[in-house]
């Protein structure tokens, strides 16, 4: 009957230009600095479901999604008024930027339809398109995943193409470049979710440190992090080791 869509900021801080360009530094996407958002958001959605059960009774069914399942959460979030889709294909909220993750509850509760969508507000800005080192944003709002650093370092299970690896530089898990240059992220607000706080100095890692780690070190450093989904051997591949 209805879909409830939520967004939660995972932002902690910005990298300085020095950090981004520092030789020997290893950068991982901000969403992986804390605990895995898939688990965190799903747990919080289940808490909301518990409240729904208390208010509406347990005869109605609900199902939660958080970055998993065949759900177009970004478009649902747009329809729910959580933001607009930018030219980098990322959902942008004018009040907090784009450093936030989504979750949704499919429910048999019938709510009034929400119709106040946020208008697209990129204007003539081309910063994300120009900043992408691999040219993955092939047109406004269109991403070619075959050129995307985030795809190759997180989802690609095979060999990273040479032309992509040469342009990865120190991005070894995910890529925030198209968000870092987005003017809307000057409004980014620090997360209030404890699980998304920076764990184990993950925002300040060196390539040398990571190359030397063994599987046990990997499990400890990235405990509960989304990086664990890449597994040890896949992560070492990202390092070029």
C-alpha atoms as a PDB file:
ATOM      1  CA  UNK A   1       0.000   0.000   0.000  1.00  0.00           C
ATOM      2  CA  UNK A   2       2.829   2.417   0.873  1.00  0.00           C
ATOM      3  CA  UNK A   3       6.595   2.756   0.850  1.00  0.00           C
ATOM      4  CA  UNK A   4       8.330   4.665   3.640  1.00  0.00           C
ATOM      5  CA  UNK A   5      11.754   5.951   2.542  1.00  0.00           C
ATOM      6  CA  UNK A   6      14.439   7.203   4.934  1.00  0.00           C
ATOM      7  CA  UNK A   7      17.852   8.791   4.521  1.00  0.00           C
ATOM      8  CA  UNK A   8      20.723   8.865   7.023  1.00  0.00           C
ATOM      9  CA  UNK A   9      23.895  10.940   6.825  1.00  0.00           C
ATOM     10  CA  UNK A  10      27.199   9.066   7.087  1.00  0.00           C
ATOM     11  CA  UNK A  11      29.347  12.195   6.732  1.00  0.00           C
ATOM     12  CA  UNK A  12      32.153  12.735   9.231  1.00  0.00           C
ATOM     13  CA  UNK A  13      34.593  15.139   7.623  1.00  0.00           C
ATOM     14  CA  UNK A  14      36.159  16.289   4.365  1.00  0.00           C
ATOM     15  CA  UNK A  15      39.552  15.199   3.134  1.00  0.00           C
ATOM     16  CA  UNK A  16      41.947  18.100   2.602  1.00  0.00           C
ATOM     17  CA  UNK A  17      43.519  18.547  -0.832  1.00  0.00           C
ATOM     18  CA  UNK A  18      46.818  17.513   0.729  1.00  0.00           C
ATOM     19  CA  UNK A  19      45.342  14.253   1.981  1.00  0.00           C
ATOM     20  CA  UNK A  20      43.682  13.480  -1.347  1.00  0.00           C
ATOM     21  CA  UNK A  21      46.916  13.964  -3.258  1.00  0.00           C
ATOM     22  CA  UNK A  22      49.347  12.624  -0.658  1.00  0.00           C
ATOM     23  CA  UNK A  23      51.542   9.924  -2.132  1.00  0.00           C
ATOM     24  CA  UNK A  24      51.267   6.686  -0.189  1.00  0.00           C
ATOM     25  CA  UNK A  25      47.864   7.464   1.323  1.00  0.00           C
ATOM     26  CA  UNK A  26      45.059   4.936   0.785  1.00  0.00           C
ATOM     27  CA  UNK A  27      41.583   6.415   0.416  1.00  0.00           C
ATOM     28  CA  UNK A  28      38.388   4.498   1.024  1.00  0.00           C
ATOM     29  CA  UNK A  29      34.923   5.931   0.409  1.00  0.00           C
ATOM     30  CA  UNK A  30      33.425   7.785   3.370  1.00  0.00           C
ATOM     31  CA  UNK A  31      30.473   5.413   3.701  1.00  0.00           C
ATOM     32  CA  UNK A  32      32.931   2.659   4.693  1.00  0.00           C
ATOM     33  CA  UNK A  33      34.633   4.582   7.506  1.00  0.00           C
ATOM     34  CA  UNK A  34      32.094   3.316  10.020  1.00  0.00           C
ATOM     35  CA  UNK A  35      29.944   0.209  10.294  1.00  0.00           C
ATOM     36  CA  UNK A  36      28.310  -1.325   7.222  1.00  0.00           C
ATOM     37  CA  UNK A  37      25.300   0.849   6.428  1.00  0.00           C
ATOM     38  CA  UNK A  38      23.360  -2.126   5.048  1.00  0.00           C
ATOM     39  CA  UNK A  39      23.241  -3.653   8.533  1.00  0.00           C
ATOM     40  CA  UNK A  40      22.904  -0.384  10.454  1.00  0.00           C
ATOM     41  CA  UNK A  41      19.985   0.971   8.437  1.00  0.00           C
ATOM     42  CA  UNK A  42      18.213  -2.371   8.298  1.00  0.00           C
ATOM     43  CA  UNK A  43      18.370  -2.627  12.108  1.00  0.00           C
ATOM     44  CA  UNK A  44      16.964   0.895  12.477  1.00  0.00           C
ATOM     45  CA  UNK A  45      14.191   0.172   9.974  1.00  0.00           C
ATOM     46  CA  UNK A  46      13.238  -2.881  12.019  1.00  0.00           C
ATOM     47  CA  UNK A  47      12.907  -0.600  15.040  1.00  0.00           C
ATOM     48  CA  UNK A  48      10.485   1.551  13.031  1.00  0.00           C
ATOM     49  CA  UNK A  49       8.538  -1.581  12.048  1.00  0.00           C
ATOM     50  CA  UNK A  50       8.249  -2.425  15.744  1.00  0.00           C
ATOM     51  CA  UNK A  51       6.714   1.007  16.347  1.00  0.00           C
ATOM     52  CA  UNK A  52       4.326   0.483  13.421  1.00  0.00           C
ATOM     53  CA  UNK A  53       3.245  -2.830  14.917  1.00  0.00           C
ATOM     54  CA  UNK A  54       2.556  -1.100  18.210  1.00  0.00           C
ATOM     55  CA  UNK A  55       0.468   1.611  16.545  1.00  0.00           C
ATOM     56  CA  UNK A  56      -1.361  -0.357  13.844  1.00  0.00           C
ATOM     57  CA  UNK A  57      -1.294  -3.909  15.208  1.00  0.00           C
ATOM     58  CA  UNK A  58       0.646  -6.943  14.019  1.00  0.00           C
ATOM     59  CA  UNK A  59      -1.832  -8.084  11.353  1.00  0.00           C
ATOM     60  CA  UNK A  60      -0.216  -5.850   8.707  1.00  0.00           C
ATOM     61  CA  UNK A  61       2.974  -6.963   6.967  1.00  0.00           C
ATOM     62  CA  UNK A  62       6.119  -4.927   6.350  1.00  0.00           C
ATOM     63  CA  UNK A  63       9.410  -5.618   4.557  1.00  0.00           C
ATOM     64  CA  UNK A  64      12.605  -3.586   4.932  1.00  0.00           C
ATOM     65  CA  UNK A  65      15.343  -2.877   2.383  1.00  0.00           C
ATOM     66  CA  UNK A  66      18.674  -1.101   2.812  1.00  0.00           C
ATOM     67  CA  UNK A  67      20.796  -1.179  -0.323  1.00  0.00           C
ATOM     68  CA  UNK A  68      19.740  -4.784  -0.934  1.00  0.00           C
ATOM     69  CA  UNK A  69      17.006  -6.455  -2.923  1.00  0.00           C
ATOM     70  CA  UNK A  70      15.432  -5.508  -6.266  1.00  0.00           C
ATOM     71  CA  UNK A  71      14.379  -2.044  -5.108  1.00  0.00           C
ATOM     72  CA  UNK A  72      15.022   1.246  -6.938  1.00  0.00           C
ATOM     73  CA  UNK A  73      15.529   3.127  -3.690  1.00  0.00           C
ATOM     74  CA  UNK A  74      17.068   6.215  -5.283  1.00  0.00           C
ATOM     75  CA  UNK A  75      14.023   6.835  -7.458  1.00  0.00           C
ATOM     76  CA  UNK A  76      11.670   6.029  -4.594  1.00  0.00           C
ATOM     77  CA  UNK A  77      13.576   8.522  -2.437  1.00  0.00           C
ATOM     78  CA  UNK A  78      13.232  11.152  -5.162  1.00  0.00           C
ATOM     79  CA  UNK A  79       9.477  10.563  -5.299  1.00  0.00           C
ATOM     80  CA  UNK A  80       9.323  10.738  -1.502  1.00  0.00           C
ATOM     81  CA  UNK A  81      10.918  14.194  -1.513  1.00  0.00           C
ATOM     82  CA  UNK A  82      14.304  13.255  -0.039  1.00  0.00           C
ATOM     83  CA  UNK A  83      16.213  14.984  -2.825  1.00  0.00           C
ATOM     84  CA  UNK A  84      16.904  15.251  -6.541  1.00  0.00           C
ATOM     85  CA  UNK A  85      19.198  13.158  -8.721  1.00  0.00           C
ATOM     86  CA  UNK A  86      22.323  15.086  -9.667  1.00  0.00           C
ATOM     87  CA  UNK A  87      24.335  14.901 -12.863  1.00  0.00           C
ATOM     88  CA  UNK A  88      26.606  12.383 -11.105  1.00  0.00           C
ATOM     89  CA  UNK A  89      23.491  10.159 -10.681  1.00  0.00           C
ATOM     90  CA  UNK A  90      23.691  10.545  -6.883  1.00  0.00           C
ATOM     91  CA  UNK A  91      20.698  11.675  -4.829  1.00  0.00           C
ATOM     92  CA  UNK A  92      21.263  15.191  -3.474  1.00  0.00           C
ATOM     93  CA  UNK A  93      19.377  16.794  -0.615  1.00  0.00           C
ATOM     94  CA  UNK A  94      19.648  20.610  -0.687  1.00  0.00           C
ATOM     95  CA  UNK A  95      20.007  20.733   3.110  1.00  0.00           C
ATOM     96  CA  UNK A  96      22.680  18.058   3.645  1.00  0.00           C
ATOM     97  CA  UNK A  97      24.251  17.315   0.261  1.00  0.00           C
ATOM     98  CA  UNK A  98      24.702  13.735  -0.932  1.00  0.00           C
ATOM     99  CA  UNK A  99      26.650  11.911   1.783  1.00  0.00           C
ATOM    100  CA  UNK A 100      23.687   9.872   2.990  1.00  0.00           C
ATOM    101  CA  UNK A 101      22.369   6.350   2.541  1.00  0.00           C
ATOM    102  CA  UNK A 102      18.829   5.144   1.938  1.00  0.00           C
ATOM    103  CA  UNK A 103      16.475   2.578   3.347  1.00  0.00           C
ATOM    104  CA  UNK A 104      12.836   1.739   2.743  1.00  0.00           C
ATOM    105  CA  UNK A 105       9.915  -0.036   4.338  1.00  0.00           C
ATOM    106  CA  UNK A 106       7.288  -1.641   2.112  1.00  0.00           C
ATOM    107  CA  UNK A 107       4.146  -1.734   4.204  1.00  0.00           C
ATOM    108  CA  UNK A 108       0.471  -2.664   4.013  1.00  0.00           C
ATOM    109  CA  UNK A 109      -0.354   0.550   5.892  1.00  0.00           C
ATOM    110  CA  UNK A 110      -2.036   3.021   3.563  1.00  0.00           C
ATOM    111  CA  UNK A 111      -0.544   6.497   3.870  1.00  0.00           C
ATOM    112  CA  UNK A 112      -1.466   9.647   1.993  1.00  0.00           C
ATOM    113  CA  UNK A 113       0.612  10.021  -1.182  1.00  0.00           C
ATOM    114  CA  UNK A 114       3.533  12.461  -0.950  1.00  0.00           C
ATOM    115  CA  UNK A 115       3.737  14.765  -3.954  1.00  0.00           C
ATOM    116  CA  UNK A 116       6.290  17.474  -3.044  1.00  0.00           C
ATOM    117  CA  UNK A 117       9.319  16.316  -5.034  1.00  0.00           C
ATOM    118  CA  UNK A 118      12.518  18.373  -4.827  1.00  0.00           C
ATOM    119  CA  UNK A 119      13.258  20.072  -8.170  1.00  0.00           C
ATOM    120  CA  UNK A 120      16.510  19.220  -9.944  1.00  0.00           C
ATOM    121  CA  UNK A 121      18.968  21.955  -9.007  1.00  0.00           C
ATOM    122  CA  UNK A 122      22.286  21.286 -10.741  1.00  0.00           C
ATOM    123  CA  UNK A 123      21.808  24.185 -13.130  1.00  0.00           C
ATOM    124  CA  UNK A 124      24.716  24.588 -15.534  1.00  0.00           C
ATOM    125  CA  UNK A 125      27.246  23.033 -13.110  1.00  0.00           C
ATOM    126  CA  UNK A 126      29.541  20.453 -14.716  1.00  0.00           C
ATOM    127  CA  UNK A 127      32.025  19.950 -11.858  1.00  0.00           C
ATOM    128  CA  UNK A 128      31.313  16.263 -11.300  1.00  0.00           C
ATOM    129  CA  UNK A 129      31.516  15.480 -15.008  1.00  0.00           C
ATOM    130  CA  UNK A 130      34.827  17.310 -15.395  1.00  0.00           C
ATOM    131  CA  UNK A 131      36.344  15.869 -12.200  1.00  0.00           C
ATOM    132  CA  UNK A 132      35.760  12.171 -12.941  1.00  0.00           C
ATOM    133  CA  UNK A 133      39.239  10.906 -13.912  1.00  0.00           C
ATOM    134  CA  UNK A 134      37.925   8.027 -16.030  1.00  0.00           C
ATOM    135  CA  UNK A 135      35.112   9.896 -17.779  1.00  0.00           C
ATOM    136  CA  UNK A 136      32.517   7.576 -16.247  1.00  0.00           C
ATOM    137  CA  UNK A 137      29.842  10.303 -16.323  1.00  0.00           C
ATOM    138  CA  UNK A 138      29.349  10.013 -20.066  1.00  0.00           C
ATOM    139  CA  UNK A 139      26.445  12.494 -20.062  1.00  0.00           C
ATOM    140  CA  UNK A 140      24.526  14.370 -17.369  1.00  0.00           C
ATOM    141  CA  UNK A 141      22.759  11.782 -15.164  1.00  0.00           C
ATOM    142  CA  UNK A 142      24.307   8.853 -17.118  1.00  0.00           C
ATOM    143  CA  UNK A 143      27.083   6.648 -15.662  1.00  0.00           C
ATOM    144  CA  UNK A 144      29.053   4.039 -17.588  1.00  0.00           C
ATOM    145  CA  UNK A 145      29.900   1.551 -14.815  1.00  0.00           C
ATOM    146  CA  UNK A 146      32.636   0.049 -16.970  1.00  0.00           C
ATOM    147  CA  UNK A 147      34.573   3.280 -16.414  1.00  0.00           C
ATOM    148  CA  UNK A 148      33.649   3.842 -12.768  1.00  0.00           C
ATOM    149  CA  UNK A 149      36.338   3.485 -10.085  1.00  0.00           C
ATOM    150  CA  UNK A 150      33.700   2.727  -7.434  1.00  0.00           C
ATOM    151  CA  UNK A 151      32.324  -0.154  -9.506  1.00  0.00           C
ATOM    152  CA  UNK A 152      35.733  -1.696 -10.155  1.00  0.00           C
ATOM    153  CA  UNK A 153      36.983  -1.415  -6.555  1.00  0.00           C
ATOM    154  CA  UNK A 154      33.769  -2.594  -4.891  1.00  0.00           C
ATOM    155  CA  UNK A 155      31.693  -4.730  -7.264  1.00  0.00           C
ATOM    156  CA  UNK A 156      34.017  -6.015 -10.006  1.00  0.00           C
ATOM    157  CA  UNK A 157      35.237  -9.483  -9.053  1.00  0.00           C
ATOM    158  CA  UNK A 158      37.605  -9.807 -12.008  1.00  0.00           C
ATOM    159  CA  UNK A 159      40.737  -7.958 -13.031  1.00  0.00           C
ATOM    160  CA  UNK A 160      40.715  -4.173 -12.917  1.00  0.00           C
ATOM    161  CA  UNK A 161      41.415  -2.878 -16.456  1.00  0.00           C
ATOM    162  CA  UNK A 162      44.809  -1.223 -16.823  1.00  0.00           C
ATOM    163  CA  UNK A 163      43.353   2.090 -18.014  1.00  0.00           C
ATOM    164  CA  UNK A 164      41.167   2.257 -14.881  1.00  0.00           C
ATOM    165  CA  UNK A 165      43.929   1.258 -12.458  1.00  0.00           C
ATOM    166  CA  UNK A 166      46.210   3.982 -13.828  1.00  0.00           C
ATOM    167  CA  UNK A 167      43.585   6.593 -12.928  1.00  0.00           C
ATOM    168  CA  UNK A 168      42.595   5.196  -9.533  1.00  0.00           C
ATOM    169  CA  UNK A 169      45.679   6.743  -7.908  1.00  0.00           C
ATOM    170  CA  UNK A 170      45.115   6.292  -4.160  1.00  0.00           C
ATOM    171  CA  UNK A 171      41.415   5.359  -4.292  1.00  0.00           C
ATOM    172  CA  UNK A 172      41.444   1.741  -3.160  1.00  0.00           C
ATOM    173  CA  UNK A 173      37.807   1.170  -2.144  1.00  0.00           C
ATOM    174  CA  UNK A 174      34.993   3.190  -3.638  1.00  0.00           C
ATOM    175  CA  UNK A 175      35.352   6.710  -4.987  1.00  0.00           C
ATOM    176  CA  UNK A 176      33.952   9.995  -3.678  1.00  0.00           C
ATOM    177  CA  UNK A 177      35.401  12.325  -6.330  1.00  0.00           C
ATOM    178  CA  UNK A 178      32.085  13.305  -7.944  1.00  0.00           C
ATOM    179  CA  UNK A 179      30.707  14.069  -4.481  1.00  0.00           C
ATOM    180  CA  UNK A 180      33.790  15.878  -3.195  1.00  0.00           C
ATOM    181  CA  UNK A 181      33.524  18.478  -5.963  1.00  0.00           C
ATOM    182  CA  UNK A 182      29.738  18.892  -5.711  1.00  0.00           C
ATOM    183  CA  UNK A 183      28.846  22.376  -4.414  1.00  0.00           C
ATOM    184  CA  UNK A 184      25.846  20.976  -2.543  1.00  0.00           C
ATOM    185  CA  UNK A 185      28.146  19.092  -0.180  1.00  0.00           C
ATOM    186  CA  UNK A 186      29.245  22.327   1.444  1.00  0.00           C
ATOM    187  CA  UNK A 187      26.016  21.764   3.410  1.00  0.00           C
ATOM    188  CA  UNK A 188      27.020  18.253   4.545  1.00  0.00           C
ATOM    189  CA  UNK A 189      26.210  17.683   8.205  1.00  0.00           C
ATOM    190  CA  UNK A 190      28.089  15.341  10.507  1.00  0.00           C
ATOM    191  CA  UNK A 191      26.276  12.097  11.162  1.00  0.00           C
ATOM    192  CA  UNK A 192      24.395  11.654  14.413  1.00  0.00           C
ATOM    193  CA  UNK A 193      24.478   7.860  14.094  1.00  0.00           C
ATOM    194  CA  UNK A 194      27.127   6.372  16.356  1.00  0.00           C
ATOM    195  CA  UNK A 195      27.666   3.342  14.131  1.00  0.00           C
ATOM    196  CA  UNK A 196      28.757   5.686  11.319  1.00  0.00           C
ATOM    197  CA  UNK A 197      31.508   7.348  13.368  1.00  0.00           C
ATOM    198  CA  UNK A 198      35.040   6.740  12.039  1.00  0.00           C
ATOM    199  CA  UNK A 199      36.381   3.395  13.261  1.00  0.00           C
ATOM    200  CA  UNK A 200      40.010   2.222  13.449  1.00  0.00           C
ATOM    201  CA  UNK A 201      41.385   5.375  11.797  1.00  0.00           C
ATOM    202  CA  UNK A 202      39.945   4.298   8.435  1.00  0.00           C
ATOM    203  CA  UNK A 203      40.112   7.866   7.172  1.00  0.00           C
ATOM    204  CA  UNK A 204      43.881   7.939   7.712  1.00  0.00           C
ATOM    205  CA  UNK A 205      45.330   4.777   6.138  1.00  0.00           C
ATOM    206  CA  UNK A 206      48.562   4.279   4.237  1.00  0.00           C
ATOM    207  CA  UNK A 207      49.096   1.998   1.285  1.00  0.00           C
ATOM    208  CA  UNK A 208      52.190   0.517   2.931  1.00  0.00           C
ATOM    209  CA  UNK A 209      50.233  -0.350   6.064  1.00  0.00           C
ATOM    210  CA  UNK A 210      47.556  -2.121   4.029  1.00  0.00           C
ATOM    211  CA  UNK A 211      49.941  -3.990   1.755  1.00  0.00           C
ATOM    212  CA  UNK A 212      51.682  -5.481   4.795  1.00  0.00           C
ATOM    213  CA  UNK A 213      48.516  -6.631   6.566  1.00  0.00           C
ATOM    214  CA  UNK A 214      47.479 -10.268   6.620  1.00  0.00           C
ATOM    215  CA  UNK A 215      43.951 -11.668   6.556  1.00  0.00           C
ATOM    216  CA  UNK A 216      43.607 -11.394  10.339  1.00  0.00           C
ATOM    217  CA  UNK A 217      44.712  -7.748  10.276  1.00  0.00           C
ATOM    218  CA  UNK A 218      42.163  -7.089   7.524  1.00  0.00           C
ATOM    219  CA  UNK A 219      39.341  -8.631   9.557  1.00  0.00           C
ATOM    220  CA  UNK A 220      40.279  -6.538  12.583  1.00  0.00           C
ATOM    221  CA  UNK A 221      40.790  -3.227  10.758  1.00  0.00           C
ATOM    222  CA  UNK A 222      37.553  -3.467   8.792  1.00  0.00           C
ATOM    223  CA  UNK A 223      35.358  -5.265  11.328  1.00  0.00           C
ATOM    224  CA  UNK A 224      31.694  -4.461  10.580  1.00  0.00           C
ATOM    225  CA  UNK A 225      32.745  -2.225   7.658  1.00  0.00           C
ATOM    226  CA  UNK A 226      31.323  -2.456   4.131  1.00  0.00           C
ATOM    227  CA  UNK A 227      34.930  -3.110   3.043  1.00  0.00           C
ATOM    228  CA  UNK A 228      34.545  -6.663   4.362  1.00  0.00           C
ATOM    229  CA  UNK A 229      32.220  -7.377   1.428  1.00  0.00           C
ATOM    230  CA  UNK A 230      35.265  -7.107  -0.859  1.00  0.00           C
ATOM    231  CA  UNK A 231      37.022  -9.808   1.201  1.00  0.00           C
ATOM    232  CA  UNK A 232      40.762  -9.922   1.876  1.00  0.00           C
ATOM    233  CA  UNK A 233      41.970 -11.149  -1.516  1.00  0.00           C
ATOM    234  CA  UNK A 234      39.739  -8.740  -3.395  1.00  0.00           C
ATOM    235  CA  UNK A 235      40.944  -5.838  -1.280  1.00  0.00           C
ATOM    236  CA  UNK A 236      44.591  -6.794  -1.849  1.00  0.00           C
ATOM    237  CA  UNK A 237      43.826  -6.831  -5.569  1.00  0.00           C
ATOM    238  CA  UNK A 238      42.673  -3.228  -5.286  1.00  0.00           C
ATOM    239  CA  UNK A 239      46.049  -2.338  -3.787  1.00  0.00           C
ATOM    240  CA  UNK A 240      47.792  -3.871  -6.775  1.00  0.00           C
ATOM    241  CA  UNK A 241      49.299  -6.575  -4.595  1.00  0.00           C
END
